[in-house]
């Protein structure tokens, strides 16, 4: 089972992943509710909001959508702490105001990664910062 990030969800929607899907055969594709929110945000920036909401709604209905809960939140916190410990400054004086975003890790991506970890899903993402997390807390990342 695969959890698509927002970029790959858009590729799937536009038909750009047909070759990959034909190679994989029968697979279950899913998204995080966070990805759904990012897609809806993008639609609201478009010129055809109501039409795009209808089309995207039908598209999203073909995918499993994973919600965020307390377990996801715990995994998110642990993952963010691991990133901080692995890639953050070692000097304690520099740690106080340090933000993991300065390393390229953004909260929505970490919530999506936490969802993948929680449910044992393979995260499909081309984001280089997420690829750096391969294997951390059991996270598996693929690029299509």
N, C-alpha and C. Protein backbone atom coordinates (compact mmCIF):
# COMPACT_ATOMS: atom_id res chain seq x y z
N UNK A 1 0.83 -1.18 0.00
CA UNK A 1 0.00 0.00 0.00
C UNK A 1 0.88 1.24 0.00
N UNK A 2 0.43 2.26 -0.71
CA UNK A 2 1.21 3.48 -0.91
C UNK A 2 0.44 4.70 -0.42
N UNK A 3 1.18 5.63 0.16
CA UNK A 3 0.64 6.91 0.58
C UNK A 3 1.29 7.97 -0.30
N UNK A 4 0.48 8.65 -1.10
CA UNK A 4 1.00 9.64 -2.04
C UNK A 4 1.13 11.01 -1.38
N UNK A 5 2.24 11.69 -1.64
CA UNK A 5 2.33 13.08 -1.21
C UNK A 5 1.54 13.93 -2.20
N UNK A 6 1.46 15.20 -1.95
CA UNK A 6 0.63 16.09 -2.77
C UNK A 6 1.09 16.13 -4.22
N UNK A 7 2.38 16.22 -4.44
CA UNK A 7 2.91 16.28 -5.81
C UNK A 7 2.55 15.02 -6.59
N UNK A 8 2.72 13.87 -5.98
CA UNK A 8 2.40 12.62 -6.67
C UNK A 8 0.90 12.43 -6.84
N UNK A 9 0.13 12.97 -5.92
CA UNK A 9 -1.32 12.93 -6.07
C UNK A 9 -1.74 13.72 -7.31
N UNK A 10 -1.12 14.87 -7.50
CA UNK A 10 -1.42 15.68 -8.69
C UNK A 10 -0.98 14.97 -9.96
N UNK A 11 0.18 14.29 -9.90
CA UNK A 11 0.65 13.52 -11.06
C UNK A 11 -0.35 12.41 -11.40
N UNK A 12 -0.83 11.73 -10.38
CA UNK A 12 -1.82 10.66 -10.58
C UNK A 12 -3.08 11.24 -11.20
N UNK A 13 -3.54 12.35 -10.67
CA UNK A 13 -4.75 13.00 -11.16
C UNK A 13 -4.61 13.38 -12.64
N UNK A 14 -3.42 13.81 -13.03
CA UNK A 14 -3.20 14.23 -14.41
C UNK A 14 -2.85 13.07 -15.34
N UNK A 15 -2.82 11.84 -14.79
CA UNK A 15 -2.54 10.67 -15.61
C UNK A 15 -1.08 10.43 -15.88
N UNK A 16 -0.19 11.11 -15.14
CA UNK A 16 1.24 11.00 -15.40
C UNK A 16 1.89 9.77 -14.77
N UNK A 17 1.13 8.97 -14.04
CA UNK A 17 1.70 7.80 -13.37
C UNK A 17 1.18 6.48 -13.95
N UNK A 18 0.53 6.55 -15.09
CA UNK A 18 -0.08 5.34 -15.66
C UNK A 18 0.94 4.24 -15.91
N UNK A 19 2.10 4.58 -16.43
CA UNK A 19 3.12 3.57 -16.71
C UNK A 19 3.58 2.88 -15.42
N UNK A 20 3.85 3.67 -14.40
CA UNK A 20 4.28 3.12 -13.12
C UNK A 20 3.20 2.21 -12.53
N UNK A 21 1.96 2.65 -12.60
CA UNK A 21 0.86 1.85 -12.05
C UNK A 21 0.67 0.56 -12.82
N UNK A 22 0.89 0.59 -14.13
CA UNK A 22 0.76 -0.65 -14.91
C UNK A 22 1.86 -1.64 -14.54
N UNK A 23 3.03 -1.14 -14.20
CA UNK A 23 4.13 -2.00 -13.76
C UNK A 23 3.81 -2.61 -12.40
N UNK A 24 3.25 -1.80 -11.50
CA UNK A 24 2.95 -2.27 -10.15
C UNK A 24 1.77 -3.24 -10.12
N UNK A 25 0.84 -3.07 -11.04
CA UNK A 25 -0.36 -3.91 -11.04
C UNK A 25 -1.36 -3.42 -10.01
N UNK A 26 -2.05 -4.36 -9.38
CA UNK A 26 -3.08 -4.02 -8.38
C UNK A 26 -2.42 -3.47 -7.11
N UNK A 27 -2.59 -2.21 -6.84
CA UNK A 27 -2.07 -1.60 -5.61
C UNK A 27 -3.16 -0.71 -5.01
N UNK A 28 -3.04 -0.51 -3.73
CA UNK A 28 -3.97 0.40 -3.05
C UNK A 28 -3.25 1.72 -2.85
N UNK A 29 -3.85 2.78 -3.38
CA UNK A 29 -3.28 4.12 -3.25
C UNK A 29 -4.08 4.89 -2.21
N UNK A 30 -3.37 5.68 -1.45
CA UNK A 30 -4.02 6.45 -0.40
C UNK A 30 -3.34 7.80 -0.25
N UNK A 31 -4.00 8.66 0.52
CA UNK A 31 -3.44 9.96 0.87
C UNK A 31 -3.72 10.22 2.34
N UNK A 32 -2.99 11.16 2.89
CA UNK A 32 -3.26 11.64 4.23
C UNK A 32 -4.30 12.76 4.14
N UNK A 33 -5.04 12.95 5.19
CA UNK A 33 -5.97 14.07 5.25
C UNK A 33 -5.21 15.39 5.09
N UNK A 34 -3.93 15.40 5.44
CA UNK A 34 -3.09 16.59 5.25
C UNK A 34 -2.94 16.88 3.75
N UNK A 35 -2.71 15.84 2.96
CA UNK A 35 -2.61 16.00 1.51
C UNK A 35 -3.93 16.51 0.95
N UNK A 36 -5.02 15.98 1.45
CA UNK A 36 -6.34 16.47 1.01
C UNK A 36 -6.44 17.97 1.25
N UNK A 37 -6.01 18.41 2.41
CA UNK A 37 -6.05 19.84 2.72
C UNK A 37 -5.18 20.66 1.78
N UNK A 38 -4.00 20.15 1.45
CA UNK A 38 -3.13 20.86 0.51
C UNK A 38 -3.76 20.93 -0.88
N UNK A 39 -4.42 19.86 -1.30
CA UNK A 39 -5.09 19.86 -2.60
C UNK A 39 -6.24 20.87 -2.62
N UNK A 40 -7.03 20.89 -1.55
CA UNK A 40 -8.15 21.84 -1.47
C UNK A 40 -7.62 23.27 -1.46
N UNK A 41 -6.54 23.52 -0.75
CA UNK A 41 -5.92 24.85 -0.74
C UNK A 41 -5.54 25.26 -2.16
N UNK A 42 -4.90 24.35 -2.89
CA UNK A 42 -4.51 24.64 -4.27
C UNK A 42 -5.70 24.95 -5.15
N UNK A 43 -6.79 24.23 -4.95
CA UNK A 43 -7.99 24.46 -5.74
C UNK A 43 -8.54 25.86 -5.48
N UNK A 44 -8.50 26.28 -4.24
CA UNK A 44 -9.04 27.61 -3.90
C UNK A 44 -8.20 28.74 -4.48
N UNK A 45 -7.00 28.43 -4.93
CA UNK A 45 -6.17 29.44 -5.60
C UNK A 45 -6.43 29.43 -7.11
N UNK A 46 -7.19 28.46 -7.60
CA UNK A 46 -7.43 28.36 -9.04
C UNK A 46 -8.57 29.28 -9.47
N UNK A 47 -8.74 29.37 -10.77
CA UNK A 47 -9.80 30.23 -11.30
C UNK A 47 -11.15 29.54 -11.34
N UNK A 48 -11.17 28.22 -11.39
CA UNK A 48 -12.41 27.45 -11.49
C UNK A 48 -12.64 26.65 -10.20
N UNK A 49 -12.83 27.36 -9.12
CA UNK A 49 -12.87 26.72 -7.81
C UNK A 49 -13.96 25.66 -7.72
N UNK A 50 -15.21 25.99 -8.01
CA UNK A 50 -16.28 25.02 -7.81
C UNK A 50 -16.15 23.82 -8.74
N UNK A 51 -15.76 24.06 -9.99
CA UNK A 51 -15.58 22.94 -10.92
C UNK A 51 -14.43 22.03 -10.46
N UNK A 52 -13.33 22.65 -10.04
CA UNK A 52 -12.18 21.87 -9.60
C UNK A 52 -12.46 21.12 -8.30
N UNK A 53 -13.26 21.71 -7.40
CA UNK A 53 -13.64 21.01 -6.18
C UNK A 53 -14.46 19.76 -6.51
N UNK A 54 -15.35 19.86 -7.48
CA UNK A 54 -16.16 18.71 -7.88
C UNK A 54 -15.30 17.61 -8.47
N UNK A 55 -14.43 17.98 -9.40
CA UNK A 55 -13.56 16.99 -10.06
C UNK A 55 -12.60 16.37 -9.04
N UNK A 56 -11.98 17.19 -8.21
CA UNK A 56 -11.04 16.67 -7.22
C UNK A 56 -11.77 15.79 -6.20
N UNK A 57 -12.98 16.17 -5.83
CA UNK A 57 -13.76 15.36 -4.89
C UNK A 57 -13.99 13.96 -5.43
N UNK A 58 -14.36 13.86 -6.70
CA UNK A 58 -14.55 12.55 -7.32
C UNK A 58 -13.25 11.76 -7.35
N UNK A 59 -12.17 12.45 -7.63
CA UNK A 59 -10.85 11.81 -7.67
C UNK A 59 -10.45 11.29 -6.28
N UNK A 60 -10.60 12.13 -5.27
CA UNK A 60 -10.22 11.74 -3.91
C UNK A 60 -11.06 10.56 -3.42
N UNK A 61 -12.30 10.49 -3.88
CA UNK A 61 -13.17 9.37 -3.49
C UNK A 61 -12.63 8.02 -3.95
N UNK A 62 -11.71 8.01 -4.91
CA UNK A 62 -11.13 6.75 -5.40
C UNK A 62 -9.94 6.31 -4.55
N UNK A 63 -9.52 7.14 -3.60
CA UNK A 63 -8.36 6.86 -2.77
C UNK A 63 -8.79 6.62 -1.32
N UNK A 64 -8.01 5.85 -0.59
CA UNK A 64 -8.19 5.76 0.85
C UNK A 64 -7.62 7.04 1.45
N UNK A 65 -8.32 7.63 2.42
CA UNK A 65 -7.83 8.84 3.08
C UNK A 65 -7.61 8.51 4.56
N UNK A 66 -6.36 8.67 5.01
CA UNK A 66 -6.01 8.39 6.39
C UNK A 66 -6.11 9.66 7.22
N UNK A 67 -6.77 9.54 8.36
CA UNK A 67 -6.93 10.66 9.27
C UNK A 67 -5.75 10.75 10.24
N UNK A 68 -5.63 11.88 10.88
CA UNK A 68 -4.61 12.11 11.90
C UNK A 68 -5.28 11.92 13.27
N UNK A 69 -4.60 11.19 14.16
CA UNK A 69 -5.12 10.99 15.50
C UNK A 69 -3.99 11.10 16.52
N UNK A 70 -4.24 10.68 17.76
CA UNK A 70 -3.24 10.80 18.81
C UNK A 70 -1.98 9.98 18.50
N UNK A 71 -2.17 8.81 17.90
CA UNK A 71 -1.02 7.98 17.56
C UNK A 71 -0.17 8.69 16.50
N UNK A 72 -0.82 9.27 15.50
CA UNK A 72 -0.10 10.02 14.47
C UNK A 72 0.67 11.17 15.11
N UNK A 73 0.03 11.85 16.05
CA UNK A 73 0.67 12.98 16.71
C UNK A 73 1.92 12.54 17.48
N UNK A 74 1.84 11.39 18.15
CA UNK A 74 3.00 10.89 18.87
C UNK A 74 4.13 10.55 17.91
N UNK A 75 3.80 9.91 16.80
CA UNK A 75 4.82 9.56 15.80
C UNK A 75 5.43 10.83 15.21
N UNK A 76 4.58 11.81 14.91
CA UNK A 76 5.04 13.10 14.39
C UNK A 76 6.06 13.73 15.34
N UNK A 77 5.71 13.76 16.63
CA UNK A 77 6.62 14.36 17.62
C UNK A 77 7.94 13.62 17.71
N UNK A 78 7.87 12.29 17.70
CA UNK A 78 9.09 11.49 17.75
C UNK A 78 9.94 11.69 16.48
N UNK A 79 9.27 11.74 15.33
CA UNK A 79 9.99 11.94 14.06
C UNK A 79 10.67 13.30 14.03
N UNK A 80 9.96 14.32 14.45
CA UNK A 80 10.54 15.67 14.46
C UNK A 80 11.72 15.75 15.42
N UNK A 81 11.60 15.08 16.57
CA UNK A 81 12.71 15.04 17.52
C UNK A 81 13.92 14.30 16.94
N UNK A 82 13.66 13.20 16.23
CA UNK A 82 14.75 12.45 15.60
C UNK A 82 15.47 13.31 14.57
N UNK A 83 14.71 14.05 13.77
CA UNK A 83 15.31 14.94 12.78
C UNK A 83 16.17 15.99 13.47
N UNK A 84 15.63 16.55 14.53
CA UNK A 84 16.36 17.57 15.30
C UNK A 84 17.67 17.00 15.82
N UNK A 85 17.61 15.77 16.38
CA UNK A 85 18.81 15.14 16.94
C UNK A 85 19.82 14.77 15.85
N UNK A 86 19.34 14.29 14.71
CA UNK A 86 20.25 13.84 13.65
C UNK A 86 20.87 14.98 12.85
N UNK A 87 20.05 15.97 12.52
CA UNK A 87 20.49 16.99 11.58
C UNK A 87 20.65 18.39 12.19
N UNK A 88 20.15 18.57 13.40
CA UNK A 88 20.21 19.88 14.05
C UNK A 88 21.58 20.17 14.62
N UNK A 89 21.77 21.37 15.12
CA UNK A 89 23.07 21.74 15.70
C UNK A 89 23.35 20.94 16.97
N UNK A 90 24.60 20.59 17.15
CA UNK A 90 25.00 19.83 18.34
C UNK A 90 25.30 20.78 19.51
N UNK A 91 25.68 22.00 19.19
CA UNK A 91 25.98 23.01 20.21
C UNK A 91 24.67 23.45 20.87
N UNK A 92 24.57 23.26 22.19
CA UNK A 92 23.34 23.58 22.91
C UNK A 92 22.92 25.04 22.78
N UNK A 93 23.87 25.93 22.67
CA UNK A 93 23.53 27.34 22.56
C UNK A 93 22.82 27.66 21.24
N UNK A 94 23.03 26.84 20.23
CA UNK A 94 22.40 27.06 18.93
C UNK A 94 21.07 26.32 18.79
N UNK A 95 20.77 25.42 19.71
CA UNK A 95 19.57 24.60 19.61
C UNK A 95 18.29 25.34 20.01
N UNK A 96 18.42 26.32 20.88
CA UNK A 96 17.24 26.98 21.46
C UNK A 96 16.32 27.57 20.39
N UNK A 97 16.83 28.30 19.44
CA UNK A 97 16.01 28.95 18.43
C UNK A 97 16.03 28.23 17.08
N UNK A 98 16.56 27.03 17.08
CA UNK A 98 16.68 26.27 15.83
C UNK A 98 15.33 25.68 15.43
N UNK A 99 15.02 25.73 14.14
CA UNK A 99 13.77 25.17 13.61
C UNK A 99 14.12 24.15 12.54
N UNK A 100 13.44 23.00 12.56
CA UNK A 100 13.73 21.96 11.56
C UNK A 100 13.39 22.43 10.15
N UNK A 101 12.55 23.45 10.01
CA UNK A 101 12.23 23.99 8.69
C UNK A 101 13.49 24.51 8.00
N UNK A 102 14.47 24.96 8.78
CA UNK A 102 15.71 25.46 8.18
C UNK A 102 16.51 24.33 7.52
N UNK A 103 16.15 23.10 7.82
CA UNK A 103 16.78 21.94 7.19
C UNK A 103 15.98 21.44 5.99
N UNK A 104 14.85 22.10 5.71
CA UNK A 104 14.01 21.69 4.59
C UNK A 104 12.87 20.78 4.97
N UNK A 105 12.69 20.50 6.26
CA UNK A 105 11.59 19.64 6.72
C UNK A 105 10.42 20.51 7.15
N UNK A 106 9.30 20.35 6.49
CA UNK A 106 8.12 21.17 6.77
C UNK A 106 7.07 20.33 7.49
N UNK A 107 6.32 20.98 8.36
CA UNK A 107 5.39 20.27 9.22
C UNK A 107 4.40 19.39 8.45
N UNK A 108 3.81 19.90 7.39
CA UNK A 108 2.84 19.07 6.65
C UNK A 108 3.49 17.80 6.12
N UNK A 109 4.72 17.90 5.64
CA UNK A 109 5.42 16.71 5.15
C UNK A 109 5.68 15.73 6.29
N UNK A 110 5.99 16.25 7.46
CA UNK A 110 6.24 15.37 8.61
C UNK A 110 4.96 14.69 9.08
N UNK A 111 3.83 15.40 9.01
CA UNK A 111 2.54 14.77 9.34
C UNK A 111 2.22 13.65 8.34
N UNK A 112 2.51 13.89 7.09
CA UNK A 112 2.27 12.87 6.06
C UNK A 112 3.19 11.67 6.30
N UNK A 113 4.45 11.93 6.60
CA UNK A 113 5.39 10.85 6.90
C UNK A 113 4.95 10.07 8.14
N UNK A 114 4.47 10.78 9.15
CA UNK A 114 4.00 10.11 10.37
C UNK A 114 2.81 9.21 10.07
N UNK A 115 1.95 9.65 9.17
CA UNK A 115 0.80 8.83 8.76
C UNK A 115 1.28 7.55 8.08
N UNK A 116 2.28 7.68 7.22
CA UNK A 116 2.84 6.50 6.54
C UNK A 116 3.44 5.53 7.55
N UNK A 117 4.18 6.05 8.51
CA UNK A 117 4.79 5.20 9.53
C UNK A 117 3.71 4.49 10.35
N UNK A 118 2.72 5.24 10.78
CA UNK A 118 1.65 4.69 11.62
C UNK A 118 0.96 3.50 10.96
N UNK A 119 0.70 3.62 9.67
CA UNK A 119 -0.09 2.60 8.98
C UNK A 119 0.75 1.63 8.16
N UNK A 120 2.08 1.74 8.27
CA UNK A 120 2.95 0.83 7.54
C UNK A 120 2.85 0.98 6.03
N UNK A 121 2.69 2.22 5.58
CA UNK A 121 2.55 2.51 4.16
C UNK A 121 3.87 2.99 3.58
N UNK A 122 4.05 2.78 2.30
CA UNK A 122 5.22 3.31 1.59
C UNK A 122 4.87 4.72 1.15
N UNK A 123 5.66 5.69 1.57
CA UNK A 123 5.43 7.08 1.20
C UNK A 123 6.02 7.33 -0.18
N UNK A 124 5.20 7.83 -1.08
CA UNK A 124 5.66 8.15 -2.43
C UNK A 124 5.87 9.66 -2.50
N UNK A 125 7.14 10.06 -2.61
CA UNK A 125 7.49 11.47 -2.60
C UNK A 125 8.81 11.69 -3.32
N UNK A 126 8.92 12.78 -4.03
CA UNK A 126 10.17 13.15 -4.69
C UNK A 126 10.91 14.21 -3.89
N UNK A 127 10.38 14.57 -2.72
CA UNK A 127 11.01 15.59 -1.90
C UNK A 127 12.32 15.06 -1.33
N UNK A 128 13.42 15.74 -1.65
CA UNK A 128 14.73 15.25 -1.24
C UNK A 128 14.86 15.15 0.28
N UNK A 129 14.22 16.06 1.00
CA UNK A 129 14.33 16.01 2.46
C UNK A 129 13.63 14.78 3.02
N UNK A 130 12.53 14.36 2.40
CA UNK A 130 11.86 13.14 2.88
C UNK A 130 12.66 11.90 2.54
N UNK A 131 13.35 11.91 1.41
CA UNK A 131 14.20 10.76 1.07
C UNK A 131 15.31 10.58 2.10
N UNK A 132 15.73 11.66 2.74
CA UNK A 132 16.77 11.58 3.77
C UNK A 132 16.27 10.84 5.01
N UNK A 133 14.96 10.69 5.13
CA UNK A 133 14.37 10.02 6.30
C UNK A 133 14.17 8.52 6.08
N UNK A 134 14.57 8.04 4.91
CA UNK A 134 14.42 6.62 4.59
C UNK A 134 14.92 5.76 5.75
N UNK A 135 14.06 4.88 6.27
CA UNK A 135 14.44 3.96 7.32
C UNK A 135 14.26 4.48 8.74
N UNK A 136 14.13 5.78 8.91
CA UNK A 136 13.95 6.34 10.25
C UNK A 136 12.55 6.00 10.73
N UNK A 137 12.48 5.43 11.92
CA UNK A 137 11.20 5.01 12.51
C UNK A 137 10.41 4.09 11.58
N UNK A 138 11.12 3.38 10.70
CA UNK A 138 10.46 2.44 9.79
C UNK A 138 9.89 3.07 8.53
N UNK A 139 10.20 4.34 8.29
CA UNK A 139 9.67 5.02 7.10
C UNK A 139 10.32 4.48 5.84
N UNK A 140 9.48 4.13 4.88
CA UNK A 140 9.95 3.70 3.55
C UNK A 140 9.47 4.74 2.55
N UNK A 141 10.41 5.25 1.74
CA UNK A 141 10.10 6.31 0.77
C UNK A 141 10.48 5.81 -0.63
N UNK A 142 9.56 6.01 -1.57
CA UNK A 142 9.83 5.72 -2.98
C UNK A 142 9.56 6.96 -3.82
N UNK A 143 10.27 7.05 -4.93
CA UNK A 143 10.05 8.14 -5.89
C UNK A 143 9.53 7.51 -7.18
N UNK A 144 8.42 8.02 -7.68
CA UNK A 144 7.87 7.54 -8.95
C UNK A 144 8.07 8.60 -10.01
